[in-house]
């Protein structure tokens, strides 16, 4: 029996992977202490006795078909003393291993948080059995552990540092539960031992992963799990180069505003749709700058240092999906070549010295064009400049040097802004093609009523808002558009409202602003508001020269806001604001009469009887009040 058992045991020792029993475990003549799951944190030295049968035979340790795993149910108590009669022979060459105290173990756990791709050999620690959990899918980093050479002739090789226990503690502190290899892993008996396969599953809940790029910046990634982070990080670093730390990154947008950037970063990201680079120091954009952004839709380069020399003429031509382009606040003297997909173009506050017939060539989809604050005048705008803009609905030409309304405006135009120019007249044919116009702003110009053609805008059927404020008008213009709803005339020199001037309007004005003018006692007649009785809701007559409540207010049945403050009104006669002969409440919700010369003690008790809330009538303070106190 003894003769047959010894060759079998020798064969078993040779088949163990990497000679683990010879290297790390005790010899076959020594017992192997198998700790319980509760004692995994401490590896105990081998017991001082030798497992032998009473007849002197060597008793092999039972195995469950697995040379690297103890038999189920064979976990004994490490604190239990060995059986009597077993002797422990001398073991020369065995490296003595010291255990770390619990405090040092916890401290080491706190400094090693990331899991390792290497799995310690099952002989190096006790297996946790079937309860050993699968390793977490996390960022992978190789575990740096020294590997001892294979022992020869049963001698146990010495290890550096803490040896096997240090490797076990480091592996556990990185989040690995040792024992059986995880399901789906491959056993490689060579260097590295058990290696975890890469996790190809989706991330936690499918949430987006931000990739670190540049100087601590993050770039949104795919919804794949942490197993892809290393590969995704490399891709992201190629797509998004180093960016300033104050840049903001979202799923499909990059915002680097006011970060003192001097050039556009070389980006390659087909998923990027928005790029915000305003308020920087960019002075040059070569032709190939945006080749890596084929799906860009919104580009903001406002308030930089671009000029005609630094901006390549075809820098934007390859952006075939670009819809919004902002070039405000630069030093451009000409309009660059633009993609035909553009829908919004802003060139405000540049140095544009003209608009040629080819400036907007191919921009048939453009909806909004802003070129205010440039050097445009009547002589450098071609009559054919706006011809390609067949879809244009919004045009801003404020703060230029125009003396007339530019010719050749698109028929599709709905809103036109021409404020703060030098416009002196509106000719009869200036707006004859703009029959879709709804808003016309001509404020801060030099308009006079005798320079307004009688039929300048009366045939504009859709015009609803007309702003003629801050001009040189002496009276309310005649021949106003029939469908007008908002008329703004404040800050003029208007002295009177001619009778029947609003009579042709249908359905009539809703808002009439005449503040800061020169309207006097005889400037408003009883028929001045004829045509507005059923429509006017807001009438502003403050900061004028009125000495009495204007006539004709009683007929404004829908009036809600009335401002007569900062005039020279001395009294409020009966039936001037409320008709006491009619038992009907007024629609007025705000009536301002402050800063006049009214003696409140002389106001008739029923002067405001038609107003539902007395607090909506403002009478304080009056001019001169408090001077004698």
Foldseek 3Di string as FASTA:
>chain_A
DLVVVVVVVVVVQVPPFLSCCLAPNADQQFDGAAAAPVPQLDDDDGAAFGDADPVGHRDGQDDDPDPLAHDPPPHDHPVDHDDPPGHHDDAPQDDDADDDPPVVLVVLLVVQAAAEQFADGSVLTHANPPPFDAFDQADYDHDDADDFHRDPPSHHTDGPDNPSSVVVSNNVSNRGHHHDHDPPWDADSPPRGIGDDQDFAFADVLDWDWAQAAPRHTETDGRRHNSCRVVVNVVVCVQDPHDDPPWDYDHQEIADEQPQDADQDQGADQSHAYYHYEQHAHAAQDQCRCVRHQRHAEYEHAQYAYEPVRYDLNNAQSNQRHAYYHHHNYAYQAQGDHHLNYAEYAHEQYAHPAQDLCNCPNVCNHAYYEHANYADEQPRYDLNRQVSPQRYAYYEHEHYAYQEQRHNHHLNYAEYHHEHYAHAAQDQPRCVSNLNHAYYEHEHYAYEQVRYDLNRPQNNQRHAYYAHAHYAYQADHASDHQAYAEYHHEHYAHAAQDFCRQQNHPVGYAYDHHAHYAHEQPRYDLRSCHNQLAHHAEYHHAHYAYQAQGHNQVSNQNYAEYEHAHYAHAAQDAPSNDDPVDPAAGNYQAYEHAAYNYDVVPHDPCRRVRYPDPVRYHHPDYPPPPPVD
